[in-house]
Amino acid sequence: MTMTLEEWRRIMGAGNVDQGNARRSSKKKNSGHTCMARTRSGTPCKRMSRYTSGRCALHGGLSTGPKTPQGKERSSRNGPNGRRGNQTP
């Protein structure tokens, strides 16, 4: 059974302009959020946020790891235990 172009448009809603605009706006809305942290110049950051915190990697993304010798030593003691082992303060 073949379908005419008009039948296909009616079924798919291709002729409905409002529905098409709604689809476009929802894609735009859900495509990602900007970081919006304040930069040094006072303007909001325009980078896309990737983390659940809503910030980009420059303004509160994932940890970069321990930097001090004490932090590195503490991290090496906690590493073999995993998350369930005894955590050091």
Protein backbone atom coordinates (compact mmCIF):
# COMPACT_ATOMS: atom_id res chain seq x y z
CA MET A 1 0.00 0.00 0.00
CA THR A 2 1.39 3.37 -0.96
CA MET A 3 0.69 6.62 0.79
CA THR A 4 0.20 9.99 -0.80
CA LEU A 5 2.29 12.95 0.24
CA GLU A 6 -0.70 14.62 1.89
CA GLU A 7 -1.47 11.52 3.95
CA TRP A 8 2.14 11.29 5.06
CA ARG A 9 2.19 14.98 6.08
CA ARG A 10 -1.04 14.55 8.02
CA ILE A 11 0.30 11.53 9.88
CA MET A 12 3.76 12.97 10.55
CA GLY A 13 2.57 16.49 11.33
CA ALA A 14 4.91 17.98 8.73
CA GLY A 15 2.42 20.68 7.79
CA ASN A 16 2.07 21.98 11.34
CA VAL A 17 4.36 25.00 11.64
CA ASP A 18 3.79 25.47 15.38
CA GLN A 19 4.80 21.92 16.11
CA GLY A 20 8.01 22.38 14.13
CA ASN A 21 8.87 25.52 16.09
CA ALA A 22 8.19 23.70 19.36
CA ARG A 23 10.57 20.94 18.34
CA ARG A 24 13.30 23.42 17.46
CA SER A 25 12.95 25.38 20.69
CA SER A 26 13.03 22.25 22.85
CA LYS A 27 16.21 21.08 21.11
CA LYS A 28 17.79 24.46 21.71
CA LYS A 29 16.67 24.48 25.35
CA ASN A 30 18.01 21.00 26.09
CA SER A 31 21.22 21.25 24.08
CA GLY A 32 23.26 22.34 27.13
CA HIS A 33 23.65 25.13 29.61
CA THR A 34 26.34 27.71 29.88
CA CYS A 35 28.55 27.92 32.95
CA MET A 36 27.51 31.48 33.92
CA ALA A 37 30.27 31.78 36.55
CA ARG A 38 31.69 35.29 36.87
CA THR A 39 34.97 35.84 35.09
CA ARG A 40 37.71 38.18 36.34
CA SER A 41 36.36 40.91 34.10
CA GLY A 42 32.92 40.55 35.71
CA THR A 43 31.15 39.07 32.70
CA PRO A 44 29.47 35.64 32.85
CA CYS A 45 31.42 32.66 31.51
CA LYS A 46 29.99 31.45 28.20
CA ARG A 47 31.50 27.96 28.15
CA MET A 48 29.18 24.96 28.12
CA SER A 49 28.80 23.20 31.47
CA ARG A 50 29.57 19.49 31.46
CA TYR A 51 29.23 18.56 35.10
CA THR A 52 26.31 18.20 37.49
CA SER A 53 27.56 21.27 39.34
CA GLY A 54 26.51 23.35 36.32
CA ARG A 55 30.00 24.76 35.92
CA CYS A 56 32.59 24.29 33.21
CA ALA A 57 36.00 22.67 33.74
CA LEU A 58 37.58 26.07 34.46
CA HIS A 59 35.05 27.12 37.12
CA GLY A 60 34.46 24.06 39.27
CA GLY A 61 34.77 20.99 37.12
CA LEU A 62 36.40 17.75 38.22
CA SER A 63 39.25 17.64 40.72
CA THR A 64 42.79 17.93 39.37
CA GLY A 65 44.17 15.75 42.16
CA PRO A 66 46.42 16.41 45.15
CA LYS A 67 49.19 18.99 44.71
CA THR A 68 51.01 19.05 48.05
CA PRO A 69 53.29 16.24 49.27
CA GLN A 70 50.93 15.63 52.21
CA GLY A 71 47.94 15.32 49.87
CA LYS A 72 49.79 12.96 47.55
CA GLU A 73 50.84 10.77 50.47
CA ARG A 74 47.26 10.65 51.81
CA SER A 75 45.99 9.79 48.34
CA SER A 76 48.48 6.95 47.97
CA ARG A 77 47.35 5.50 51.34
CA ASN A 78 43.68 5.66 50.29
CA GLY A 79 44.19 4.35 46.75
CA PRO A 80 44.48 0.59 47.44
CA ASN A 81 41.41 0.64 49.70
CA GLY A 82 39.06 2.02 47.10
CA ARG A 83 35.98 3.94 48.19
CA ARG A 84 34.83 1.33 50.71
CA GLY A 85 38.07 1.03 52.66
CA ASN A 86 39.18 3.04 55.67
CA GLN A 87 39.44 6.66 54.65
CA THR A 88 42.13 8.81 56.22
CA PRO A 89 41.24 12.36 57.28
